[in-house]
Structure formats: C-alpha cells, structure tokens
Amino acid sequence: MPDPELLERITTRRAELDELEEQLAKQLEAVRAERDEFAVAERVLERVSEQLAEERSSAQPIPGQVGGRVVMLIPHRRPGTGESMLPPDCQRIIAAVRQAAGLVMAREVGEAVGADISVKAKLEPLRRKLVRLVDRGWLRKLPDGRFTTRL
C-alpha cells in the first residue's frame, strides 16, 4: 500500500503542474494572438507605404487657399521628389539659380526670370519665394543673403 503522505505530495504537485500548464497555455494563446496582430500590422504598413510612395511619385503641386486666394503650395524636398513637383514659377527660380553658376542675389534671380526689379518693393515677393524654397530644402541661403542650389 502506497504511503499516504507521499500520495498527497504527488497529488499536490500534480495540481500545481496542472495549474501552471493552464497559465502557460493562456500565455501562449496571448503571445500567438499578439504575434498575429503584428503580422497583420506589418502587411498593412507595407501596403500603405507602397500606396504613399505611388501617390508621392505621381502627385502634382497642390493648390491651396490663403486669404481667399488660390496659391500653389511648395512641397518640402524629399528623396524621390523632383522639381517637377514645384509650381512653374519656382521651377524657373531654381533654374535661374542653377544657371548662375555660383552664388546669386535675389536681384540677379529677378533679372534672370524677368521679374520687375526696378523697385525694391517689387523684388520682395521674389525674395519671399526664394526664402520659402530655402525653408523647404530646395535652395540654400548663405548668411550674406546670397542663394545657391542644394547639393
């Protein structure tokens, strides 16, 4: 006849192991569910990234409104974003800076694009566009106020 104390120890240990098995099964189920969620998230992220890349590559400059007037927005320069994304006047400005073969002042850019530079006030809209192109990464401005293309 088996020892009752030993039998009780075995029964207690078996109950502990059954409980541990149940906890581990629940943890395993939770881990698998989370892993499946990440797999779905990964597929969604890949699909959305591909869609965004397609949209960016085929997008044209987007008109916006400022003060009730329709204006062309200047996008930030990013890898894969070409100058064709810019409004035509900004493309002409960048071409003029590039053709200057060096550092150029706003007045020189104005002459190259055919802007009225006879009065300083008429040069300011061009200077604002140049600064906007600098802010968005299309051009570079030196501390002395001259502009150049980005490398």
C-alpha atoms as a PDB file:
ATOM      1  CA  MET A   1       0.000   0.000   0.000  1.00  0.00           C
ATOM      2  CA  PRO A   2       1.377   3.436  -1.004  1.00  0.00           C
ATOM      3  CA  ASP A   3       2.416   5.881   1.647  1.00  0.00           C
ATOM      4  CA  PRO A   4      -0.482   8.358   2.179  1.00  0.00           C
ATOM      5  CA  GLU A   5       1.891  11.289   2.750  1.00  0.00           C
ATOM      6  CA  LEU A   6       3.763  10.556  -0.471  1.00  0.00           C
ATOM      7  CA  LEU A   7       0.477  10.161  -2.334  1.00  0.00           C
ATOM      8  CA  GLU A   8      -0.680  13.559  -1.032  1.00  0.00           C
ATOM      9  CA  ARG A   9       2.592  15.203  -2.154  1.00  0.00           C
ATOM     10  CA  ILE A  10       2.215  13.715  -5.616  1.00  0.00           C
ATOM     11  CA  THR A  11      -1.398  14.862  -5.857  1.00  0.00           C
ATOM     12  CA  THR A  12      -0.498  18.384  -4.691  1.00  0.00           C
ATOM     13  CA  ARG A  13       2.402  18.626  -7.119  1.00  0.00           C
ATOM     14  CA  ARG A  14       0.236  17.368  -9.966  1.00  0.00           C
ATOM     15  CA  ALA A  15      -2.384  20.021  -9.163  1.00  0.00           C
ATOM     16  CA  GLU A  16       0.355  22.693  -9.177  1.00  0.00           C
ATOM     17  CA  LEU A  17       1.608  21.455 -12.543  1.00  0.00           C
ATOM     18  CA  ASP A  18      -1.938  21.394 -13.960  1.00  0.00           C
ATOM     19  CA  GLU A  19      -2.416  24.992 -12.824  1.00  0.00           C
ATOM     20  CA  LEU A  20       0.955  26.003 -14.290  1.00  0.00           C
ATOM     21  CA  GLU A  21       0.064  24.282 -17.570  1.00  0.00           C
ATOM     22  CA  GLU A  22      -3.208  26.231 -17.703  1.00  0.00           C
ATOM     23  CA  GLN A  23      -1.396  29.545 -17.089  1.00  0.00           C
ATOM     24  CA  LEU A  24       1.206  28.740 -19.729  1.00  0.00           C
ATOM     25  CA  ALA A  25      -1.487  27.777 -22.229  1.00  0.00           C
ATOM     26  CA  LYS A  26      -3.196  31.158 -21.653  1.00  0.00           C
ATOM     27  CA  GLN A  27       0.125  32.984 -22.055  1.00  0.00           C
ATOM     28  CA  LEU A  28       0.898  31.043 -25.224  1.00  0.00           C
ATOM     29  CA  GLU A  29      -2.525  31.924 -26.626  1.00  0.00           C
ATOM     30  CA  ALA A  30      -1.955  35.625 -25.823  1.00  0.00           C
ATOM     31  CA  VAL A  31       1.520  35.543 -27.417  1.00  0.00           C
ATOM     32  CA  ARG A  32       0.179  33.933 -30.583  1.00  0.00           C
ATOM     33  CA  ALA A  33      -2.678  36.447 -30.805  1.00  0.00           C
ATOM     34  CA  GLU A  34      -0.266  39.371 -30.424  1.00  0.00           C
ATOM     35  CA  ARG A  35       2.116  37.866 -32.975  1.00  0.00           C
ATOM     36  CA  ASP A  36      -0.783  37.520 -35.429  1.00  0.00           C
ATOM     37  CA  GLU A  37      -1.751  41.163 -34.818  1.00  0.00           C
ATOM     38  CA  PHE A  38       1.797  42.278 -35.596  1.00  0.00           C
ATOM     39  CA  ALA A  39       1.817  40.217 -38.782  1.00  0.00           C
ATOM     40  CA  VAL A  40      -1.383  41.953 -39.896  1.00  0.00           C
ATOM     41  CA  ALA A  41       0.015  45.362 -38.907  1.00  0.00           C
ATOM     42  CA  GLU A  42       3.171  44.647 -40.888  1.00  0.00           C
ATOM     43  CA  ARG A  43       1.170  43.788 -44.015  1.00  0.00           C
ATOM     44  CA  VAL A  44      -0.995  46.894 -43.635  1.00  0.00           C
ATOM     45  CA  LEU A  45       2.085  49.080 -43.145  1.00  0.00           C
ATOM     46  CA  GLU A  46       3.723  47.658 -46.274  1.00  0.00           C
ATOM     47  CA  ARG A  47       0.562  48.215 -48.323  1.00  0.00           C
ATOM     48  CA  VAL A  48       0.064  51.780 -47.070  1.00  0.00           C
ATOM     49  CA  SER A  49       3.759  52.596 -47.612  1.00  0.00           C
ATOM     50  CA  GLU A  50       3.510  51.386 -51.204  1.00  0.00           C
ATOM     51  CA  GLN A  51       0.363  53.466 -51.758  1.00  0.00           C
ATOM     52  CA  LEU A  52       2.023  56.569 -50.305  1.00  0.00           C
ATOM     53  CA  ALA A  53       5.096  56.050 -52.474  1.00  0.00           C
ATOM     54  CA  GLU A  54       2.885  55.779 -55.565  1.00  0.00           C
ATOM     55  CA  GLU A  55       0.923  58.899 -54.593  1.00  0.00           C
ATOM     56  CA  ARG A  56       4.094  60.889 -53.957  1.00  0.00           C
ATOM     57  CA  SER A  57       5.660  59.834 -57.241  1.00  0.00           C
ATOM     58  CA  SER A  58       2.600  60.772 -59.276  1.00  0.00           C
ATOM     59  CA  ALA A  59       1.443  63.814 -57.303  1.00  0.00           C
ATOM     60  CA  GLN A  60       1.408  67.279 -58.808  1.00  0.00           C
ATOM     61  CA  PRO A  61       1.666  70.580 -56.917  1.00  0.00           C
ATOM     62  CA  ILE A  62      -1.434  71.045 -54.820  1.00  0.00           C
ATOM     63  CA  PRO A  63      -3.228  74.385 -54.931  1.00  0.00           C
ATOM     64  CA  GLY A  64      -4.212  75.765 -51.552  1.00  0.00           C
ATOM     65  CA  GLN A  65      -6.018  78.837 -50.312  1.00  0.00           C
ATOM     66  CA  VAL A  66      -4.536  81.681 -48.337  1.00  0.00           C
ATOM     67  CA  GLY A  67      -6.648  84.709 -47.538  1.00  0.00           C
ATOM     68  CA  GLY A  68      -9.270  83.556 -50.030  1.00  0.00           C
ATOM     69  CA  ARG A  69      -6.726  83.441 -52.883  1.00  0.00           C
ATOM     70  CA  VAL A  70      -5.692  80.246 -54.624  1.00  0.00           C
ATOM     71  CA  VAL A  71      -1.946  79.696 -54.269  1.00  0.00           C
ATOM     72  CA  MET A  72       0.383  76.849 -55.174  1.00  0.00           C
ATOM     73  CA  LEU A  73       1.920  75.169 -52.175  1.00  0.00           C
ATOM     74  CA  ILE A  74       5.634  74.444 -52.243  1.00  0.00           C
ATOM     75  CA  PRO A  75       6.274  70.892 -51.028  1.00  0.00           C
ATOM     76  CA  HIS A  76       9.233  70.002 -48.843  1.00  0.00           C
ATOM     77  CA  ARG A  77      12.122  68.443 -50.711  1.00  0.00           C
ATOM     78  CA  ARG A  78      12.371  64.709 -50.006  1.00  0.00           C
ATOM     79  CA  PRO A  79      14.241  61.866 -51.629  1.00  0.00           C
ATOM     80  CA  GLY A  80      12.468  60.994 -54.843  1.00  0.00           C
ATOM     81  CA  THR A  81      10.718  64.374 -55.049  1.00  0.00           C
ATOM     82  CA  GLY A  82      11.671  66.132 -58.250  1.00  0.00           C
ATOM     83  CA  GLU A  83      11.492  69.778 -59.172  1.00  0.00           C
ATOM     84  CA  SER A  84       8.504  68.941 -61.362  1.00  0.00           C
ATOM     85  CA  MET A  85       6.507  68.898 -58.120  1.00  0.00           C
ATOM     86  CA  LEU A  86       7.072  72.647 -57.789  1.00  0.00           C
ATOM     87  CA  PRO A  87       4.903  75.359 -59.315  1.00  0.00           C
ATOM     88  CA  PRO A  88       6.283  76.620 -62.654  1.00  0.00           C
ATOM     89  CA  ASP A  89       7.498  79.949 -61.249  1.00  0.00           C
ATOM     90  CA  CYS A  90       9.511  78.131 -58.561  1.00  0.00           C
ATOM     91  CA  GLN A  91      10.994  75.835 -61.210  1.00  0.00           C
ATOM     92  CA  ARG A  92      12.118  78.941 -63.151  1.00  0.00           C
ATOM     93  CA  ILE A  93      13.648  80.416 -59.977  1.00  0.00           C
ATOM     94  CA  ILE A  94      15.634  77.246 -59.248  1.00  0.00           C
ATOM     95  CA  ALA A  95      16.767  77.057 -62.889  1.00  0.00           C
ATOM     96  CA  ALA A  96      17.951  80.680 -62.698  1.00  0.00           C
ATOM     97  CA  VAL A  97      19.914  79.998 -59.502  1.00  0.00           C
ATOM     98  CA  ARG A  98      21.453  76.893 -61.061  1.00  0.00           C
ATOM     99  CA  GLN A  99      22.394  78.724 -64.284  1.00  0.00           C
ATOM    100  CA  ALA A 100      24.095  81.492 -62.305  1.00  0.00           C
ATOM    101  CA  ALA A 101      26.998  79.061 -61.764  1.00  0.00           C
ATOM    102  CA  GLY A 102      27.671  80.302 -58.270  1.00  0.00           C
ATOM    103  CA  LEU A 103      26.165  82.388 -55.542  1.00  0.00           C
ATOM    104  CA  VAL A 104      23.417  84.764 -56.611  1.00  0.00           C
ATOM    105  CA  MET A 105      21.457  87.644 -55.060  1.00  0.00           C
ATOM    106  CA  ALA A 106      17.667  87.952 -55.298  1.00  0.00           C
ATOM    107  CA  ARG A 107      18.022  90.881 -57.753  1.00  0.00           C
ATOM    108  CA  GLU A 108      20.050  88.694 -60.152  1.00  0.00           C
ATOM    109  CA  VAL A 109      17.445  85.929 -59.939  1.00  0.00           C
ATOM    110  CA  GLY A 110      14.770  88.538 -60.682  1.00  0.00           C
ATOM    111  CA  GLU A 111      16.634  89.658 -63.800  1.00  0.00           C
ATOM    112  CA  ALA A 112      17.002  86.059 -64.966  1.00  0.00           C
ATOM    113  CA  VAL A 113      13.294  85.223 -64.565  1.00  0.00           C
ATOM    114  CA  GLY A 114      12.098  88.544 -65.988  1.00  0.00           C
ATOM    115  CA  ALA A 115      10.644  89.977 -62.776  1.00  0.00           C
ATOM    116  CA  ASP A 116      10.297  93.730 -62.293  1.00  0.00           C
ATOM    117  CA  ILE A 117      13.257  94.617 -60.078  1.00  0.00           C
ATOM    118  CA  SER A 118      13.201  98.391 -60.629  1.00  0.00           C
ATOM    119  CA  VAL A 119      11.739  98.996 -57.162  1.00  0.00           C
ATOM    120  CA  LYS A 120      12.767  97.138 -54.022  1.00  0.00           C
ATOM    121  CA  ALA A 121       9.114  96.547 -53.070  1.00  0.00           C
ATOM    122  CA  LYS A 122       8.569  94.648 -56.313  1.00  0.00           C
ATOM    123  CA  LEU A 123      11.560  92.443 -55.529  1.00  0.00           C
ATOM    124  CA  GLU A 124      10.169  91.354 -52.141  1.00  0.00           C
ATOM    125  CA  PRO A 125       7.679  88.756 -53.473  1.00  0.00           C
ATOM    126  CA  LEU A 126      10.578  87.066 -55.288  1.00  0.00           C
ATOM    127  CA  ARG A 127      12.732  87.209 -52.159  1.00  0.00           C
ATOM    128  CA  ARG A 128       9.887  85.570 -50.174  1.00  0.00           C
ATOM    129  CA  LYS A 129       9.691  82.763 -52.733  1.00  0.00           C
ATOM    130  CA  LEU A 130      13.439  82.262 -52.535  1.00  0.00           C
ATOM    131  CA  VAL A 131      13.253  82.059 -48.731  1.00  0.00           C
ATOM    132  CA  ARG A 132      10.306  79.646 -48.961  1.00  0.00           C
ATOM    133  CA  LEU A 133      12.356  77.446 -51.296  1.00  0.00           C
ATOM    134  CA  VAL A 134      15.191  77.574 -48.747  1.00  0.00           C
ATOM    135  CA  ASP A 135      12.814  76.663 -45.894  1.00  0.00           C
ATOM    136  CA  ARG A 136      11.540  73.671 -47.827  1.00  0.00           C
ATOM    137  CA  GLY A 137      15.009  72.406 -48.744  1.00  0.00           C
ATOM    138  CA  TRP A 138      15.140  73.320 -52.454  1.00  0.00           C
ATOM    139  CA  LEU A 139      17.738  76.088 -52.180  1.00  0.00           C
ATOM    140  CA  ARG A 140      20.414  77.177 -49.738  1.00  0.00           C
ATOM    141  CA  LYS A 141      20.840  80.709 -48.377  1.00  0.00           C
ATOM    142  CA  LEU A 142      24.155  81.966 -47.083  1.00  0.00           C
ATOM    143  CA  PRO A 143      24.404  84.436 -44.193  1.00  0.00           C
ATOM    144  CA  ASP A 144      25.288  87.261 -46.617  1.00  0.00           C
ATOM    145  CA  GLY A 145      21.890  86.854 -48.359  1.00  0.00           C
ATOM    146  CA  ARG A 146      23.109  85.048 -51.481  1.00  0.00           C
ATOM    147  CA  PHE A 147      21.415  81.886 -52.724  1.00  0.00           C
ATOM    148  CA  THR A 148      22.676  78.692 -54.273  1.00  0.00           C
ATOM    149  CA  THR A 149      21.287  75.296 -55.196  1.00  0.00           C
ATOM    150  CA  ARG A 150      21.316  72.390 -52.779  1.00  0.00           C
ATOM    151  CA  LEU A 151      23.946  69.716 -53.329  1.00  0.00           C
END
